[in-house]
Amino acid sequence: MTSPHDAYALSKWEAEQGLRQIAANTGMEVVIIRPPLVYGPGVKANFAALMRAVQRGLPLPLGAAHNLRSLVGLDNLVDFITTCASHPAAAKQTFLVSDGADISTPDLVRAMARAAGRLARLFPVPVGVLASLASLLGKRAAVDRLCSSLQLDISKARELLQWTPPVTLEEGLRRAFAGEKP
């Protein structure tokens, strides 16, 4: 992340730079891990809202999204952190981490529905129309996050640390729903 695009991204980049400086001054080993959206039992915010909508069987206007998103399940993130803490090759490295299976928003909704034992109820609304309507409601950012692509390349983690996500996206979603309190 060499050019942060908003205040949140800038604060993360500044924290990374601060940690690198502390490491340089003290000899402390630092590993920087950059996850995408993390999901699991007790997830909050927009992901939780999407889970609730799927669980309730609400029809969702996301069927026309043609995107790919990287996600990481909590179990996979914890496993990766544990790997970094014990693997000597992790020191001084920056890693991207995900479940290793990018998914479109419509396919994510379908996978969530399977995990919840529900039917996915999707209907296609062109993303541009959806974004325009969301702008009127002050929800444009949520639509952008749901319908845009964000893919992470985890090949460095796979090659340098021989790390493979131990939990599939489908199993991670099942665990998230099992821990979800309606």
N, C-alpha and C. Protein backbone atom coordinates (compact mmCIF):
# COMPACT_ATOMS: atom_id res chain seq x y z
N MET A 1 0.86 -1.17 0.00
CA MET A 1 0.00 0.00 0.00
C MET A 1 0.91 1.23 0.00
N THR A 2 1.32 1.68 -1.16
CA THR A 2 2.23 2.82 -1.24
C THR A 2 1.50 4.14 -1.42
N SER A 3 0.24 4.11 -1.80
CA SER A 3 -0.50 5.36 -1.93
C SER A 3 -1.88 5.19 -1.28
N PRO A 4 -1.95 5.39 0.02
CA PRO A 4 -3.23 5.24 0.72
C PRO A 4 -4.29 6.16 0.11
N HIS A 5 -5.52 5.64 -0.03
CA HIS A 5 -6.58 6.37 -0.72
C HIS A 5 -7.59 7.03 0.20
N ASP A 6 -7.50 6.79 1.51
CA ASP A 6 -8.40 7.47 2.44
C ASP A 6 -7.72 7.54 3.82
N ALA A 7 -8.37 8.22 4.74
CA ALA A 7 -7.77 8.43 6.06
C ALA A 7 -7.48 7.11 6.78
N TYR A 8 -8.37 6.15 6.64
CA TYR A 8 -8.18 4.85 7.28
C TYR A 8 -6.93 4.16 6.74
N ALA A 9 -6.80 4.11 5.40
CA ALA A 9 -5.64 3.49 4.78
C ALA A 9 -4.36 4.25 5.14
N LEU A 10 -4.44 5.57 5.19
CA LEU A 10 -3.28 6.36 5.57
C LEU A 10 -2.85 6.05 7.01
N SER A 11 -3.80 5.91 7.91
CA SER A 11 -3.45 5.61 9.31
C SER A 11 -2.78 4.24 9.41
N LYS A 12 -3.23 3.27 8.62
CA LYS A 12 -2.60 1.95 8.64
C LYS A 12 -1.17 2.03 8.08
N TRP A 13 -1.00 2.76 6.99
CA TRP A 13 0.32 2.92 6.39
C TRP A 13 1.27 3.62 7.37
N GLU A 14 0.78 4.67 8.03
CA GLU A 14 1.61 5.37 9.01
C GLU A 14 1.99 4.46 10.18
N ALA A 15 1.06 3.61 10.62
CA ALA A 15 1.38 2.66 11.69
C ALA A 15 2.46 1.68 11.24
N GLU A 16 2.37 1.21 10.01
CA GLU A 16 3.40 0.30 9.47
C GLU A 16 4.76 1.00 9.46
N GLN A 17 4.78 2.25 9.02
CA GLN A 17 6.05 2.99 8.97
C GLN A 17 6.61 3.17 10.38
N GLY A 18 5.74 3.46 11.35
CA GLY A 18 6.17 3.60 12.74
C GLY A 18 6.75 2.31 13.28
N LEU A 19 6.11 1.19 12.97
CA LEU A 19 6.63 -0.11 13.43
C LEU A 19 7.97 -0.43 12.79
N ARG A 20 8.10 -0.11 11.51
CA ARG A 20 9.39 -0.35 10.83
C ARG A 20 10.50 0.50 11.48
N GLN A 21 10.18 1.72 11.85
CA GLN A 21 11.16 2.58 12.50
C GLN A 21 11.55 2.03 13.87
N ILE A 22 10.58 1.61 14.65
CA ILE A 22 10.86 1.01 15.96
C ILE A 22 11.73 -0.22 15.78
N ALA A 23 11.42 -1.05 14.79
CA ALA A 23 12.21 -2.25 14.53
C ALA A 23 13.64 -1.88 14.17
N ALA A 24 13.80 -0.86 13.34
CA ALA A 24 15.14 -0.44 12.94
C ALA A 24 15.94 0.09 14.13
N ASN A 25 15.27 0.78 15.05
CA ASN A 25 15.95 1.36 16.21
C ASN A 25 16.23 0.36 17.32
N THR A 26 15.45 -0.70 17.39
CA THR A 26 15.56 -1.62 18.53
C THR A 26 16.00 -3.03 18.16
N GLY A 27 15.94 -3.38 16.88
CA GLY A 27 16.25 -4.75 16.48
C GLY A 27 15.06 -5.69 16.64
N MET A 28 13.92 -5.15 17.05
CA MET A 28 12.72 -5.97 17.19
C MET A 28 12.31 -6.50 15.82
N GLU A 29 11.88 -7.76 15.78
CA GLU A 29 11.39 -8.32 14.54
C GLU A 29 9.93 -7.94 14.35
N VAL A 30 9.62 -7.42 13.18
CA VAL A 30 8.27 -7.00 12.86
C VAL A 30 7.81 -7.75 11.63
N VAL A 31 6.56 -8.21 11.66
CA VAL A 31 5.91 -8.80 10.50
C VAL A 31 4.62 -8.00 10.29
N ILE A 32 4.43 -7.52 9.08
CA ILE A 32 3.22 -6.77 8.77
C ILE A 32 2.29 -7.67 7.98
N ILE A 33 1.06 -7.77 8.46
CA ILE A 33 0.05 -8.61 7.82
C ILE A 33 -1.09 -7.70 7.37
N ARG A 34 -1.41 -7.80 6.09
CA ARG A 34 -2.48 -6.98 5.51
C ARG A 34 -3.64 -7.87 5.08
N PRO A 35 -4.63 -8.02 5.95
CA PRO A 35 -5.80 -8.83 5.59
C PRO A 35 -6.86 -7.98 4.88
N PRO A 36 -7.70 -8.64 4.09
CA PRO A 36 -8.89 -7.95 3.57
C PRO A 36 -9.97 -8.02 4.65
N LEU A 37 -11.22 -7.95 4.28
CA LEU A 37 -12.31 -8.09 5.23
C LEU A 37 -12.17 -9.42 5.97
N VAL A 38 -12.23 -9.36 7.30
CA VAL A 38 -12.15 -10.55 8.14
C VAL A 38 -13.56 -10.91 8.59
N TYR A 39 -13.94 -12.17 8.38
CA TYR A 39 -15.27 -12.62 8.79
C TYR A 39 -15.12 -13.82 9.73
N GLY A 40 -16.15 -14.03 10.52
CA GLY A 40 -16.17 -15.17 11.43
C GLY A 40 -17.29 -14.95 12.43
N PRO A 41 -17.38 -15.82 13.42
CA PRO A 41 -18.42 -15.65 14.44
C PRO A 41 -18.31 -14.27 15.09
N GLY A 42 -19.43 -13.61 15.21
CA GLY A 42 -19.43 -12.29 15.84
C GLY A 42 -19.01 -11.15 14.93
N VAL A 43 -18.86 -11.40 13.62
CA VAL A 43 -18.49 -10.34 12.70
C VAL A 43 -19.49 -9.19 12.82
N LYS A 44 -19.04 -8.00 12.59
CA LYS A 44 -19.89 -6.80 12.72
C LYS A 44 -20.04 -6.09 11.38
N ALA A 45 -20.67 -4.97 11.44
CA ALA A 45 -20.80 -4.01 10.34
C ALA A 45 -21.52 -4.60 9.12
N ASN A 46 -21.06 -4.21 7.92
CA ASN A 46 -21.76 -4.55 6.70
C ASN A 46 -21.84 -6.05 6.45
N PHE A 47 -20.78 -6.79 6.81
CA PHE A 47 -20.80 -8.23 6.60
C PHE A 47 -21.89 -8.87 7.45
N ALA A 48 -22.01 -8.42 8.69
CA ALA A 48 -23.06 -8.95 9.57
C ALA A 48 -24.44 -8.60 9.02
N ALA A 49 -24.59 -7.41 8.48
CA ALA A 49 -25.87 -7.02 7.89
C ALA A 49 -26.22 -7.91 6.69
N LEU A 50 -25.22 -8.23 5.88
CA LEU A 50 -25.44 -9.11 4.74
C LEU A 50 -25.80 -10.52 5.23
N MET A 51 -25.14 -10.99 6.27
CA MET A 51 -25.48 -12.29 6.84
C MET A 51 -26.93 -12.32 7.33
N ARG A 52 -27.33 -11.28 8.03
CA ARG A 52 -28.71 -11.21 8.53
C ARG A 52 -29.72 -11.21 7.39
N ALA A 53 -29.41 -10.46 6.33
CA ALA A 53 -30.32 -10.40 5.18
C ALA A 53 -30.45 -11.77 4.53
N VAL A 54 -29.34 -12.46 4.38
CA VAL A 54 -29.37 -13.81 3.79
C VAL A 54 -30.13 -14.75 4.71
N GLN A 55 -29.86 -14.68 6.00
CA GLN A 55 -30.51 -15.56 6.97
C GLN A 55 -32.03 -15.34 6.98
N ARG A 56 -32.44 -14.12 6.79
CA ARG A 56 -33.88 -13.81 6.78
C ARG A 56 -34.53 -14.10 5.43
N GLY A 57 -33.74 -14.48 4.44
CA GLY A 57 -34.28 -14.78 3.13
C GLY A 57 -34.70 -13.56 2.35
N LEU A 58 -34.12 -12.41 2.65
CA LEU A 58 -34.48 -11.18 1.95
C LEU A 58 -33.97 -11.21 0.51
N PRO A 59 -34.74 -10.75 -0.44
CA PRO A 59 -34.23 -10.63 -1.81
C PRO A 59 -33.19 -9.51 -1.88
N LEU A 60 -32.08 -9.80 -2.51
CA LEU A 60 -30.98 -8.85 -2.59
C LEU A 60 -30.70 -8.46 -4.03
N PRO A 61 -30.53 -7.16 -4.32
CA PRO A 61 -30.35 -6.68 -5.69
C PRO A 61 -28.90 -6.77 -6.18
N LEU A 62 -28.20 -7.83 -5.83
CA LEU A 62 -26.76 -7.93 -6.09
C LEU A 62 -26.42 -8.92 -7.20
N GLY A 63 -27.43 -9.44 -7.89
CA GLY A 63 -27.21 -10.49 -8.87
C GLY A 63 -26.44 -10.07 -10.10
N ALA A 64 -26.30 -8.78 -10.35
CA ALA A 64 -25.61 -8.31 -11.56
C ALA A 64 -24.15 -7.90 -11.28
N ALA A 65 -23.70 -8.05 -10.07
CA ALA A 65 -22.31 -7.68 -9.76
C ALA A 65 -21.35 -8.70 -10.38
N HIS A 66 -20.38 -8.21 -11.10
CA HIS A 66 -19.37 -9.07 -11.72
C HIS A 66 -18.01 -8.66 -11.17
N ASN A 67 -17.78 -9.02 -9.93
CA ASN A 67 -16.57 -8.62 -9.25
C ASN A 67 -15.90 -9.84 -8.64
N LEU A 68 -14.72 -9.66 -8.09
CA LEU A 68 -14.05 -10.69 -7.31
C LEU A 68 -13.46 -10.03 -6.07
N ARG A 69 -13.70 -10.66 -4.92
CA ARG A 69 -13.22 -10.12 -3.65
C ARG A 69 -12.45 -11.20 -2.90
N SER A 70 -11.39 -10.78 -2.26
CA SER A 70 -10.66 -11.64 -1.33
C SER A 70 -11.23 -11.38 0.06
N LEU A 71 -11.39 -12.44 0.82
CA LEU A 71 -11.83 -12.38 2.21
C LEU A 71 -10.89 -13.26 3.01
N VAL A 72 -10.90 -13.10 4.32
CA VAL A 72 -10.16 -14.04 5.16
C VAL A 72 -11.01 -14.38 6.37
N GLY A 73 -11.17 -15.67 6.59
CA GLY A 73 -11.88 -16.14 7.77
C GLY A 73 -11.00 -15.97 9.01
N LEU A 74 -11.63 -15.75 10.13
CA LEU A 74 -10.90 -15.55 11.37
C LEU A 74 -9.95 -16.71 11.66
N ASP A 75 -10.40 -17.95 11.45
CA ASP A 75 -9.54 -19.11 11.70
C ASP A 75 -8.29 -19.07 10.83
N ASN A 76 -8.44 -18.68 9.57
CA ASN A 76 -7.28 -18.60 8.68
C ASN A 76 -6.34 -17.47 9.10
N LEU A 77 -6.89 -16.35 9.51
CA LEU A 77 -6.05 -15.24 9.95
C LEU A 77 -5.26 -15.63 11.20
N VAL A 78 -5.91 -16.26 12.15
CA VAL A 78 -5.22 -16.70 13.37
C VAL A 78 -4.13 -17.71 13.03
N ASP A 79 -4.43 -18.64 12.14
CA ASP A 79 -3.42 -19.63 11.73
C ASP A 79 -2.23 -18.94 11.07
N PHE A 80 -2.52 -17.93 10.24
CA PHE A 80 -1.43 -17.22 9.57
C PHE A 80 -0.58 -16.43 10.58
N ILE A 81 -1.22 -15.78 11.53
CA ILE A 81 -0.47 -15.05 12.57
C ILE A 81 0.42 -16.01 13.34
N THR A 82 -0.11 -17.18 13.70
CA THR A 82 0.66 -18.19 14.41
C THR A 82 1.85 -18.64 13.57
N THR A 83 1.64 -18.85 12.29
CA THR A 83 2.72 -19.23 11.38
C THR A 83 3.80 -18.16 11.36
N CYS A 84 3.39 -16.90 11.24
CA CYS A 84 4.36 -15.80 11.20
C CYS A 84 5.15 -15.70 12.51
N ALA A 85 4.50 -15.97 13.62
CA ALA A 85 5.16 -15.87 14.92
C ALA A 85 6.24 -16.93 15.09
N SER A 86 6.11 -18.05 14.39
CA SER A 86 7.06 -19.14 14.60
C SER A 86 7.98 -19.41 13.41
N HIS A 87 7.72 -18.81 12.27
CA HIS A 87 8.52 -19.09 11.07
C HIS A 87 9.62 -18.05 10.93
N PRO A 88 10.87 -18.47 10.92
CA PRO A 88 11.98 -17.50 10.84
C PRO A 88 11.97 -16.65 9.56
N ALA A 89 11.43 -17.16 8.48
CA ALA A 89 11.42 -16.40 7.23
C ALA A 89 10.40 -15.27 7.23
N ALA A 90 9.54 -15.21 8.24
CA ALA A 90 8.51 -14.16 8.29
C ALA A 90 9.06 -12.81 8.74
N ALA A 91 10.14 -12.82 9.49
CA ALA A 91 10.68 -11.58 10.06
C ALA A 91 10.96 -10.54 8.99
N LYS A 92 10.57 -9.31 9.28
CA LYS A 92 10.79 -8.14 8.42
C LYS A 92 10.01 -8.19 7.11
N GLN A 93 9.02 -9.04 7.02
CA GLN A 93 8.25 -9.19 5.79
C GLN A 93 6.88 -8.53 5.92
N THR A 94 6.30 -8.23 4.79
CA THR A 94 4.92 -7.77 4.69
C THR A 94 4.16 -8.80 3.87
N PHE A 95 3.03 -9.26 4.41
CA PHE A 95 2.25 -10.30 3.75
C PHE A 95 0.82 -9.85 3.53
N LEU A 96 0.27 -10.28 2.41
CA LEU A 96 -1.16 -10.21 2.16
C LEU A 96 -1.70 -11.60 2.52
N VAL A 97 -2.85 -11.65 3.14
CA VAL A 97 -3.41 -12.93 3.56
C VAL A 97 -4.89 -12.97 3.22
N SER A 98 -5.35 -14.12 2.75
CA SER A 98 -6.77 -14.31 2.46
C SER A 98 -7.07 -15.80 2.52
N ASP A 99 -8.32 -16.14 2.24
CA ASP A 99 -8.72 -17.54 2.17
C ASP A 99 -8.18 -18.22 0.92
N GLY A 100 -7.61 -17.45 0.01
CA GLY A 100 -7.04 -18.01 -1.20
C GLY A 100 -8.07 -18.36 -2.27
N ALA A 101 -9.31 -17.92 -2.08
CA ALA A 101 -10.38 -18.19 -3.04
C ALA A 101 -11.20 -16.92 -3.21
N ASP A 102 -10.92 -16.17 -4.27
CA ASP A 102 -11.67 -14.94 -4.51
C ASP A 102 -13.07 -15.31 -4.98
N ILE A 103 -14.03 -14.46 -4.62
CA ILE A 103 -15.44 -14.79 -4.87
C ILE A 103 -16.19 -13.52 -5.26
N SER A 104 -17.15 -13.68 -6.16
CA SER A 104 -17.99 -12.54 -6.53
C SER A 104 -19.04 -12.33 -5.44
N THR A 105 -19.62 -11.15 -5.43
CA THR A 105 -20.66 -10.87 -4.43
C THR A 105 -21.86 -11.81 -4.60
N PRO A 106 -22.35 -12.04 -5.83
CA PRO A 106 -23.47 -12.99 -5.95
C PRO A 106 -23.09 -14.39 -5.46
N ASP A 107 -21.88 -14.84 -5.77
CA ASP A 107 -21.46 -16.16 -5.30
C ASP A 107 -21.26 -16.18 -3.79
N LEU A 108 -20.83 -15.06 -3.22
CA LEU A 108 -20.72 -14.97 -1.76
C LEU A 108 -22.10 -15.10 -1.12
N VAL A 109 -23.08 -14.42 -1.68
CA VAL A 109 -24.44 -14.53 -1.14
C VAL A 109 -24.93 -15.97 -1.24
N ARG A 110 -24.66 -16.63 -2.37
CA ARG A 110 -25.06 -18.03 -2.52
C ARG A 110 -24.36 -18.92 -1.49
N ALA A 111 -23.06 -18.69 -1.28
CA ALA A 111 -22.31 -19.49 -0.30
C ALA A 111 -22.82 -19.22 1.11
N MET A 112 -23.15 -17.96 1.41
CA MET A 112 -23.72 -17.63 2.71
C MET A 112 -25.06 -18.35 2.91
N ALA A 113 -25.87 -18.35 1.86
CA ALA A 113 -27.18 -19.00 1.95
C ALA A 113 -27.01 -20.49 2.22
N ARG A 114 -26.07 -21.14 1.54
CA ARG A 114 -25.82 -22.56 1.80
C ARG A 114 -25.38 -22.76 3.25
N ALA A 115 -24.50 -21.89 3.73
CA ALA A 115 -24.00 -22.00 5.11
C ALA A 115 -25.12 -21.81 6.12
N ALA A 116 -26.10 -20.98 5.77
CA ALA A 116 -27.21 -20.70 6.68
C ALA A 116 -28.38 -21.67 6.48
N GLY A 117 -28.26 -22.57 5.48
CA GLY A 117 -29.36 -23.48 5.20
C GLY A 117 -30.56 -22.78 4.60
N ARG A 118 -30.30 -21.75 3.83
CA ARG A 118 -31.37 -20.94 3.22
C ARG A 118 -31.20 -20.95 1.70
N LEU A 119 -32.19 -20.43 1.01
CA LEU A 119 -32.08 -20.21 -0.43
C LEU A 119 -31.56 -18.80 -0.66
N ALA A 120 -30.65 -18.66 -1.61
CA ALA A 120 -30.18 -17.32 -1.99
C ALA A 120 -31.27 -16.66 -2.82
N ARG A 121 -31.60 -15.45 -2.47
CA ARG A 121 -32.63 -14.71 -3.21
C ARG A 121 -31.96 -13.48 -3.81
N LEU A 122 -31.47 -13.64 -5.02
CA LEU A 122 -30.77 -12.58 -5.73
C LEU A 122 -31.58 -12.15 -6.95
N PHE A 123 -31.59 -10.87 -7.22
CA PHE A 123 -32.14 -10.40 -8.49
C PHE A 123 -31.17 -9.38 -9.05
N PRO A 124 -31.07 -9.33 -10.38
CA PRO A 124 -30.06 -8.48 -11.00
C PRO A 124 -30.50 -7.02 -11.17
N VAL A 125 -29.77 -6.15 -10.53
CA VAL A 125 -29.92 -4.72 -10.74
C VAL A 125 -28.55 -4.24 -11.21
N PRO A 126 -28.48 -3.57 -12.35
CA PRO A 126 -27.17 -3.10 -12.81
C PRO A 126 -26.45 -2.30 -11.71
N VAL A 127 -25.17 -2.55 -11.57
CA VAL A 127 -24.40 -1.93 -10.49
C VAL A 127 -24.47 -0.41 -10.55
N GLY A 128 -24.46 0.16 -11.74
CA GLY A 128 -24.57 1.61 -11.88
C GLY A 128 -25.88 2.15 -11.32
N VAL A 129 -26.97 1.43 -11.58
CA VAL A 129 -28.27 1.83 -11.05
C VAL A 129 -28.27 1.69 -9.54
N LEU A 130 -27.75 0.57 -9.06
CA LEU A 130 -27.68 0.33 -7.62
C LEU A 130 -26.84 1.42 -6.93
N ALA A 131 -25.72 1.79 -7.54
CA ALA A 131 -24.86 2.83 -6.97
C ALA A 131 -25.57 4.19 -6.95
N SER A 132 -26.30 4.50 -8.01
CA SER A 132 -27.03 5.77 -8.05
C SER A 132 -28.10 5.83 -6.97
N LEU A 133 -28.85 4.75 -6.83
CA LEU A 133 -29.88 4.70 -5.78
C LEU A 133 -29.24 4.79 -4.39
N ALA A 134 -28.13 4.10 -4.21
CA ALA A 134 -27.45 4.14 -2.92
C ALA A 134 -26.92 5.54 -2.61
N SER A 135 -26.48 6.25 -3.63
CA SER A 135 -26.01 7.63 -3.43
C SER A 135 -27.12 8.51 -2.87
N LEU A 136 -28.32 8.31 -3.39
CA LEU A 136 -29.46 9.10 -2.90
C LEU A 136 -29.74 8.84 -1.42
N LEU A 137 -29.42 7.62 -0.97
CA LEU A 137 -29.65 7.24 0.42
C LEU A 137 -28.42 7.41 1.31
N GLY A 138 -27.35 7.94 0.72
CA GLY A 138 -26.12 8.11 1.49
C GLY A 138 -25.40 6.79 1.76
N LYS A 139 -25.62 5.79 0.91
CA LYS A 139 -25.04 4.45 1.11
C LYS A 139 -24.12 4.05 -0.04
N ARG A 140 -23.62 4.99 -0.78
CA ARG A 140 -22.79 4.68 -1.95
C ARG A 140 -21.56 3.87 -1.58
N ALA A 141 -20.92 4.20 -0.47
CA ALA A 141 -19.69 3.49 -0.08
C ALA A 141 -19.97 2.01 0.17
N ALA A 142 -21.11 1.70 0.75
CA ALA A 142 -21.45 0.30 1.02
C ALA A 142 -21.62 -0.47 -0.29
N VAL A 143 -22.28 0.14 -1.27
CA VAL A 143 -22.45 -0.51 -2.57
C VAL A 143 -21.11 -0.67 -3.26
N ASP A 144 -20.27 0.36 -3.18
CA ASP A 144 -18.94 0.26 -3.79
C ASP A 144 -18.15 -0.91 -3.19
N ARG A 145 -18.21 -1.06 -1.86
CA ARG A 145 -17.49 -2.17 -1.21
C ARG A 145 -18.07 -3.52 -1.62
N LEU A 146 -19.38 -3.60 -1.74
CA LEU A 146 -20.02 -4.87 -2.11
C LEU A 146 -19.79 -5.25 -3.57
N CYS A 147 -19.73 -4.29 -4.43
CA CYS A 147 -19.74 -4.58 -5.86
C CYS A 147 -18.42 -4.36 -6.57
N SER A 148 -17.43 -3.78 -5.90
CA SER A 148 -16.14 -3.59 -6.55
C SER A 148 -15.25 -4.81 -6.30
N SER A 149 -14.18 -4.89 -7.05
CA SER A 149 -13.23 -5.99 -6.88
C SER A 149 -12.10 -5.57 -5.96
N LEU A 150 -11.62 -6.52 -5.18
CA LEU A 150 -10.44 -6.33 -4.33
C LEU A 150 -9.82 -7.70 -4.15
N GLN A 151 -8.80 -7.98 -4.94
CA GLN A 151 -8.16 -9.28 -4.88
C GLN A 151 -6.75 -9.14 -4.33
N LEU A 152 -6.40 -10.04 -3.42
CA LEU A 152 -5.07 -10.07 -2.84
C LEU A 152 -4.31 -11.29 -3.35
N ASP A 153 -3.06 -11.09 -3.64
CA ASP A 153 -2.19 -12.18 -4.08
C ASP A 153 -1.43 -12.70 -2.87
N ILE A 154 -1.75 -13.92 -2.45
CA ILE A 154 -1.11 -14.48 -1.26
C ILE A 154 0.05 -15.43 -1.61
N SER A 155 0.54 -15.34 -2.84
CA SER A 155 1.60 -16.25 -3.27
C SER A 155 2.86 -16.09 -2.42
N LYS A 156 3.17 -14.91 -1.94
CA LYS A 156 4.36 -14.73 -1.10
C LYS A 156 4.23 -15.55 0.18
N ALA A 157 3.06 -15.53 0.81
CA ALA A 157 2.83 -16.31 2.02
C ALA A 157 2.91 -17.80 1.72
N ARG A 158 2.36 -18.20 0.59
CA ARG A 158 2.40 -19.61 0.20
C ARG A 158 3.84 -20.08 -0.05
N GLU A 159 4.59 -19.27 -0.78
CA GLU A 159 5.94 -19.68 -1.18
C GLU A 159 6.97 -19.54 -0.06
N LEU A 160 6.99 -18.39 0.59
CA LEU A 160 8.01 -18.12 1.60
C LEU A 160 7.77 -18.90 2.89
N LEU A 161 6.52 -19.04 3.28
CA LEU A 161 6.19 -19.69 4.55
C LEU A 161 5.55 -21.07 4.35
N GLN A 162 5.35 -21.48 3.09
CA GLN A 162 4.64 -22.72 2.79
C GLN A 162 3.28 -22.77 3.50
N TRP A 163 2.61 -21.62 3.54
CA TRP A 163 1.33 -21.51 4.23
C TRP A 163 0.17 -21.71 3.25
N THR A 164 -0.76 -22.51 3.67
CA THR A 164 -2.01 -22.71 2.93
C THR A 164 -3.16 -22.48 3.90
N PRO A 165 -4.17 -21.72 3.51
CA PRO A 165 -5.31 -21.52 4.41
C PRO A 165 -5.91 -22.88 4.81
N PRO A 166 -5.98 -23.18 6.11
CA PRO A 166 -6.49 -24.49 6.52
C PRO A 166 -8.01 -24.63 6.44
N VAL A 167 -8.74 -23.51 6.39
CA VAL A 167 -10.20 -23.55 6.40
C VAL A 167 -10.71 -22.96 5.08
N THR A 168 -11.57 -23.70 4.40
CA THR A 168 -12.14 -23.20 3.15
C THR A 168 -13.10 -22.05 3.43
N LEU A 169 -13.36 -21.27 2.42
CA LEU A 169 -14.33 -20.18 2.53
C LEU A 169 -15.68 -20.74 2.97
N GLU A 170 -16.10 -21.84 2.38
CA GLU A 170 -17.40 -22.42 2.71
C GLU A 170 -17.46 -22.82 4.18
N GLU A 171 -16.40 -23.46 4.67
CA GLU A 171 -16.38 -23.87 6.09
C GLU A 171 -16.30 -22.64 6.99
N GLY A 172 -15.53 -21.64 6.58
CA GLY A 172 -15.46 -20.40 7.37
C GLY A 172 -16.81 -19.72 7.49
N LEU A 173 -17.57 -19.70 6.39
CA LEU A 173 -18.91 -19.11 6.43
C LEU A 173 -19.83 -19.94 7.31
N ARG A 174 -19.73 -21.26 7.22
CA ARG A 174 -20.56 -22.11 8.09
C ARG A 174 -20.27 -21.81 9.55
N ARG A 175 -18.99 -21.65 9.90
CA ARG A 175 -18.61 -21.34 11.27
C ARG A 175 -19.12 -19.96 11.68
N ALA A 176 -19.08 -19.02 10.75
CA ALA A 176 -19.58 -17.68 11.05
C ALA A 176 -21.07 -17.71 11.36
N PHE A 177 -21.82 -18.45 10.56
CA PHE A 177 -23.26 -18.55 10.81
C PHE A 177 -23.56 -19.32 12.08
N ALA A 178 -22.77 -20.33 12.38
CA ALA A 178 -22.99 -21.12 13.60
C ALA A 178 -22.79 -20.25 14.84
N GLY A 179 -21.90 -19.27 14.74
CA GLY A 179 -21.63 -18.38 15.88
C GLY A 179 -22.48 -17.13 15.89
N GLU A 180 -23.25 -16.95 14.83
CA GLU A 180 -24.10 -15.76 14.69
C GLU A 180 -25.29 -15.84 15.64
N LYS A 181 -25.51 -14.80 16.38
CA LYS A 181 -26.67 -14.74 17.26
C LYS A 181 -27.73 -13.88 16.59
N PRO A 182 -28.83 -14.52 16.15
CA PRO A 182 -29.86 -13.75 15.41
C PRO A 182 -30.53 -12.68 16.24
